[in-house]
Amino acid sequence: IVNGKPEPLSPENGPESLRSTAPIIVNSVQDADDSLGGEHGLATLFEASDIGVRPNINMYVSPADRIGLTAHHDPQDVFILQLSGSKIWKVCSPIGEGMELPTRVSEDPAHPLYYRYTDEGLQKEGAKCESFTLKEKDVLYMPRGTI
């Protein structure tokens, strides 16, 4: 994904280019890997459990010194598993429409459900933020609306 738009991998923007470019984002990984989405996969186990919800599994790969995604809130709860390396995270309590625990978002910056934030906007709104480092095998739970 470059500037929010999908861009296919090529020799110019393949894994080696991660040292200096945008993250690689793979959505719905469970649809491509049976160990995650197959009959006995992780997503299927969640669906069959008391939780009863089939999770969507996304993968993000980015250099440790680069921001993976800009500040935003999601319309669903999110579990983040740091598979390797470490990453500094800045997490903020919900502000604005995010406090209403939205179940949808808007890509339009003029819309009240717009879900992306600038550092200036977070500061102006008085968001309570905390920074910390996720290390390999750490898990972070972010309820919907959390930035």
C-alpha atoms as a PDB file:
ATOM      1  CA  ILE A   1       0.000   0.000   0.000  1.00  0.00           C
ATOM      2  CA  VAL A   2       1.479   3.353  -1.007  1.00  0.00           C
ATOM      3  CA  ASN A   3      -0.372   6.527  -0.056  1.00  0.00           C
ATOM      4  CA  GLY A   4      -3.404   4.434   0.814  1.00  0.00           C
ATOM      5  CA  LYS A   5      -3.563   2.676  -2.563  1.00  0.00           C
ATOM      6  CA  PRO A   6      -2.542  -0.917  -3.364  1.00  0.00           C
ATOM      7  CA  GLU A   7       0.687  -1.232  -5.301  1.00  0.00           C
ATOM      8  CA  PRO A   8       1.881  -4.620  -6.589  1.00  0.00           C
ATOM      9  CA  LEU A   9       5.285  -5.883  -5.518  1.00  0.00           C
ATOM     10  CA  SER A  10       8.038  -5.560  -8.099  1.00  0.00           C
ATOM     11  CA  PRO A  11      11.848  -5.585  -8.051  1.00  0.00           C
ATOM     12  CA  GLU A  12      11.670  -1.837  -7.359  1.00  0.00           C
ATOM     13  CA  ASN A  13       9.309  -2.073  -4.385  1.00  0.00           C
ATOM     14  CA  GLY A  14       9.791  -5.642  -3.075  1.00  0.00           C
ATOM     15  CA  PRO A  15      10.795  -6.728   0.444  1.00  0.00           C
ATOM     16  CA  GLU A  16      14.306  -5.253   0.146  1.00  0.00           C
ATOM     17  CA  SER A  17      12.786  -1.811  -0.422  1.00  0.00           C
ATOM     18  CA  LEU A  18      11.106  -1.941   3.010  1.00  0.00           C
ATOM     19  CA  ARG A  19      14.153  -0.303   4.477  1.00  0.00           C
ATOM     20  CA  SER A  20      13.089   2.980   2.909  1.00  0.00           C
ATOM     21  CA  THR A  21       9.424   2.763   1.848  1.00  0.00           C
ATOM     22  CA  ALA A  22       5.856   2.268   3.030  1.00  0.00           C
ATOM     23  CA  PRO A  23       4.740  -0.886   4.852  1.00  0.00           C
ATOM     24  CA  ILE A  24       3.509  -4.020   3.141  1.00  0.00           C
ATOM     25  CA  ILE A  25      -0.116  -4.667   4.102  1.00  0.00           C
ATOM     26  CA  VAL A  26      -1.830  -8.001   3.441  1.00  0.00           C
ATOM     27  CA  ASN A  27      -5.536  -8.021   4.326  1.00  0.00           C
ATOM     28  CA  SER A  28      -7.590 -11.162   5.007  1.00  0.00           C
ATOM     29  CA  VAL A  29      -4.559 -13.448   5.350  1.00  0.00           C
ATOM     30  CA  GLN A  30      -6.878 -16.226   6.571  1.00  0.00           C
ATOM     31  CA  ASP A  31      -8.270 -16.500   3.018  1.00  0.00           C
ATOM     32  CA  ALA A  32      -4.830 -17.395   1.655  1.00  0.00           C
ATOM     33  CA  ASP A  33      -3.449 -19.689   4.365  1.00  0.00           C
ATOM     34  CA  ASP A  34      -5.225 -22.862   5.543  1.00  0.00           C
ATOM     35  CA  SER A  35      -3.435 -22.776   8.905  1.00  0.00           C
ATOM     36  CA  LEU A  36      -5.350 -19.559   9.586  1.00  0.00           C
ATOM     37  CA  GLY A  37      -8.577 -19.914   7.620  1.00  0.00           C
ATOM     38  CA  GLY A  38      -8.921 -23.608   6.754  1.00  0.00           C
ATOM     39  CA  GLU A  39     -11.176 -26.191   8.407  1.00  0.00           C
ATOM     40  CA  HIS A  40      -8.928 -26.384  11.501  1.00  0.00           C
ATOM     41  CA  GLY A  41      -7.392 -22.925  11.201  1.00  0.00           C
ATOM     42  CA  LEU A  42      -7.272 -20.180  13.812  1.00  0.00           C
ATOM     43  CA  ALA A  43     -10.109 -18.140  12.282  1.00  0.00           C
ATOM     44  CA  THR A  44     -12.367 -21.213  12.108  1.00  0.00           C
ATOM     45  CA  LEU A  45     -11.617 -22.088  15.755  1.00  0.00           C
ATOM     46  CA  PHE A  46     -12.694 -18.609  16.850  1.00  0.00           C
ATOM     47  CA  GLU A  47     -15.895 -18.895  14.833  1.00  0.00           C
ATOM     48  CA  ALA A  48     -16.710 -22.300  16.343  1.00  0.00           C
ATOM     49  CA  SER A  49     -15.926 -21.182  19.911  1.00  0.00           C
ATOM     50  CA  ASP A  50     -18.195 -19.367  22.339  1.00  0.00           C
ATOM     51  CA  ILE A  51     -16.964 -16.142  20.725  1.00  0.00           C
ATOM     52  CA  GLY A  52     -18.861 -17.081  17.561  1.00  0.00           C
ATOM     53  CA  VAL A  53     -17.146 -14.524  15.360  1.00  0.00           C
ATOM     54  CA  ARG A  54     -14.840 -15.297  12.458  1.00  0.00           C
ATOM     55  CA  PRO A  55     -11.916 -12.884  12.801  1.00  0.00           C
ATOM     56  CA  ASN A  56     -10.306 -11.080   9.929  1.00  0.00           C
ATOM     57  CA  ILE A  57      -6.509 -11.406  10.063  1.00  0.00           C
ATOM     58  CA  ASN A  58      -4.357  -8.688   8.509  1.00  0.00           C
ATOM     59  CA  MET A  59      -0.568  -8.589   8.315  1.00  0.00           C
ATOM     60  CA  TYR A  60       1.592  -5.469   8.343  1.00  0.00           C
ATOM     61  CA  VAL A  61       5.338  -5.471   7.695  1.00  0.00           C
ATOM     62  CA  SER A  62       7.362  -2.307   8.174  1.00  0.00           C
ATOM     63  CA  PRO A  63      10.825  -1.286   9.349  1.00  0.00           C
ATOM     64  CA  ALA A  64      11.135  -0.707  13.102  1.00  0.00           C
ATOM     65  CA  ASP A  65      11.977   2.964  12.588  1.00  0.00           C
ATOM     66  CA  ARG A  66       8.986   3.705  10.307  1.00  0.00           C
ATOM     67  CA  ILE A  67       5.334   4.353  11.081  1.00  0.00           C
ATOM     68  CA  GLY A  68       3.237   1.440   9.829  1.00  0.00           C
ATOM     69  CA  LEU A  69      -0.056   3.340   9.682  1.00  0.00           C
ATOM     70  CA  THR A  70      -1.032   6.891  10.560  1.00  0.00           C
ATOM     71  CA  ALA A  71      -3.074   7.517  13.721  1.00  0.00           C
ATOM     72  CA  HIS A  72      -6.613   6.195  13.269  1.00  0.00           C
ATOM     73  CA  HIS A  73      -9.409   4.338  15.026  1.00  0.00           C
ATOM     74  CA  ASP A  74     -10.954   1.090  13.848  1.00  0.00           C
ATOM     75  CA  PRO A  75     -14.676   0.259  13.866  1.00  0.00           C
ATOM     76  CA  GLN A  76     -13.940  -3.125  15.484  1.00  0.00           C
ATOM     77  CA  ASP A  77     -11.828  -4.456  18.350  1.00  0.00           C
ATOM     78  CA  VAL A  78      -8.241  -5.189  17.321  1.00  0.00           C
ATOM     79  CA  PHE A  79      -5.638  -7.595  18.698  1.00  0.00           C
ATOM     80  CA  ILE A  80      -2.073  -6.847  17.638  1.00  0.00           C
ATOM     81  CA  LEU A  81       0.540  -9.601  17.835  1.00  0.00           C
ATOM     82  CA  GLN A  82       4.158  -8.541  17.365  1.00  0.00           C
ATOM     83  CA  LEU A  83       5.602 -11.534  15.509  1.00  0.00           C
ATOM     84  CA  SER A  84       9.225 -10.395  15.318  1.00  0.00           C
ATOM     85  CA  GLY A  85      11.399  -7.434  16.150  1.00  0.00           C
ATOM     86  CA  SER A  86       9.935  -4.523  18.076  1.00  0.00           C
ATOM     87  CA  LYS A  87       7.856  -1.458  17.323  1.00  0.00           C
ATOM     88  CA  ILE A  88       7.122   1.747  19.223  1.00  0.00           C
ATOM     89  CA  TRP A  89       3.366   2.333  19.466  1.00  0.00           C
ATOM     90  CA  LYS A  90       1.512   5.503  20.387  1.00  0.00           C
ATOM     91  CA  VAL A  91      -1.982   4.618  21.625  1.00  0.00           C
ATOM     92  CA  CYS A  92      -4.610   7.225  22.505  1.00  0.00           C
ATOM     93  CA  SER A  93      -7.976   7.061  24.221  1.00  0.00           C
ATOM     94  CA  PRO A  94     -10.979   7.668  21.942  1.00  0.00           C
ATOM     95  CA  ILE A  95     -11.879  11.265  21.090  1.00  0.00           C
ATOM     96  CA  GLY A  96     -14.657  12.862  19.047  1.00  0.00           C
ATOM     97  CA  GLU A  97     -16.852  10.353  17.207  1.00  0.00           C
ATOM     98  CA  GLY A  98     -14.516   7.558  18.320  1.00  0.00           C
ATOM     99  CA  MET A  99     -15.965   7.956  21.830  1.00  0.00           C
ATOM    100  CA  GLU A 100     -19.328   6.783  20.471  1.00  0.00           C
ATOM    101  CA  LEU A 101     -17.704   3.427  19.555  1.00  0.00           C
ATOM    102  CA  PRO A 102     -18.518   3.677  15.859  1.00  0.00           C
ATOM    103  CA  THR A 103     -19.160   0.520  13.867  1.00  0.00           C
ATOM    104  CA  ARG A 104     -18.196   2.205  10.608  1.00  0.00           C
ATOM    105  CA  VAL A 105     -15.795   4.884   9.385  1.00  0.00           C
ATOM    106  CA  SER A 106     -15.595   7.369   6.521  1.00  0.00           C
ATOM    107  CA  GLU A 107     -12.752   8.083   4.100  1.00  0.00           C
ATOM    108  CA  ASP A 108     -14.038  11.673   3.716  1.00  0.00           C
ATOM    109  CA  PRO A 109     -12.121  14.114   5.982  1.00  0.00           C
ATOM    110  CA  ALA A 110     -15.213  16.374   6.136  1.00  0.00           C
ATOM    111  CA  HIS A 111     -17.438  13.541   7.426  1.00  0.00           C
ATOM    112  CA  PRO A 112     -17.940  13.217  11.208  1.00  0.00           C
ATOM    113  CA  LEU A 113     -16.942   9.536  11.052  1.00  0.00           C
ATOM    114  CA  TYR A 114     -13.574  10.285   9.463  1.00  0.00           C
ATOM    115  CA  TYR A 115     -11.171   8.065  11.369  1.00  0.00           C
ATOM    116  CA  ARG A 116      -7.654   9.418  10.780  1.00  0.00           C
ATOM    117  CA  TYR A 117      -5.906  11.856  13.094  1.00  0.00           C
ATOM    118  CA  THR A 118      -2.902  14.168  12.982  1.00  0.00           C
ATOM    119  CA  ASP A 119      -0.658  14.731  15.995  1.00  0.00           C
ATOM    120  CA  GLU A 120      -1.933  18.321  16.068  1.00  0.00           C
ATOM    121  CA  GLY A 121      -5.544  17.136  16.035  1.00  0.00           C
ATOM    122  CA  LEU A 122      -4.927  14.680  18.863  1.00  0.00           C
ATOM    123  CA  GLN A 123      -3.280  17.402  20.926  1.00  0.00           C
ATOM    124  CA  LYS A 124      -6.051  19.928  20.157  1.00  0.00           C
ATOM    125  CA  GLU A 125      -8.736  17.429  21.193  1.00  0.00           C
ATOM    126  CA  GLY A 126      -6.876  16.637  24.422  1.00  0.00           C
ATOM    127  CA  ALA A 127      -6.374  12.960  23.616  1.00  0.00           C
ATOM    128  CA  LYS A 128      -4.698  10.993  26.383  1.00  0.00           C
ATOM    129  CA  CYS A 129      -1.858   9.140  24.662  1.00  0.00           C
ATOM    130  CA  GLU A 130       0.799   6.708  25.813  1.00  0.00           C
ATOM    131  CA  SER A 131       3.863   5.421  23.951  1.00  0.00           C
ATOM    132  CA  PHE A 132       5.435   2.030  24.538  1.00  0.00           C
ATOM    133  CA  THR A 133       7.373  -0.667  22.715  1.00  0.00           C
ATOM    134  CA  LEU A 134       5.831  -3.938  21.584  1.00  0.00           C
ATOM    135  CA  LYS A 135       8.410  -6.717  21.526  1.00  0.00           C
ATOM    136  CA  GLU A 136       8.334 -10.125  19.853  1.00  0.00           C
ATOM    137  CA  LYS A 137       5.371 -12.232  21.099  1.00  0.00           C
ATOM    138  CA  ASP A 138       3.691  -9.238  22.849  1.00  0.00           C
ATOM    139  CA  VAL A 139      -0.054  -8.818  22.328  1.00  0.00           C
ATOM    140  CA  LEU A 140      -1.912  -5.505  22.408  1.00  0.00           C
ATOM    141  CA  TYR A 141      -5.717  -5.296  22.653  1.00  0.00           C
ATOM    142  CA  MET A 142      -7.344  -2.126  21.322  1.00  0.00           C
ATOM    143  CA  PRO A 143     -11.111  -1.761  21.779  1.00  0.00           C
ATOM    144  CA  ARG A 144     -12.877  -0.144  18.829  1.00  0.00           C
ATOM    145  CA  GLY A 145     -12.528   3.628  18.857  1.00  0.00           C
ATOM    146  CA  THR A 146      -9.025   3.494  20.396  1.00  0.00           C
ATOM    147  CA  ILE A 147      -6.507   5.513  18.389  1.00  0.00           C
END
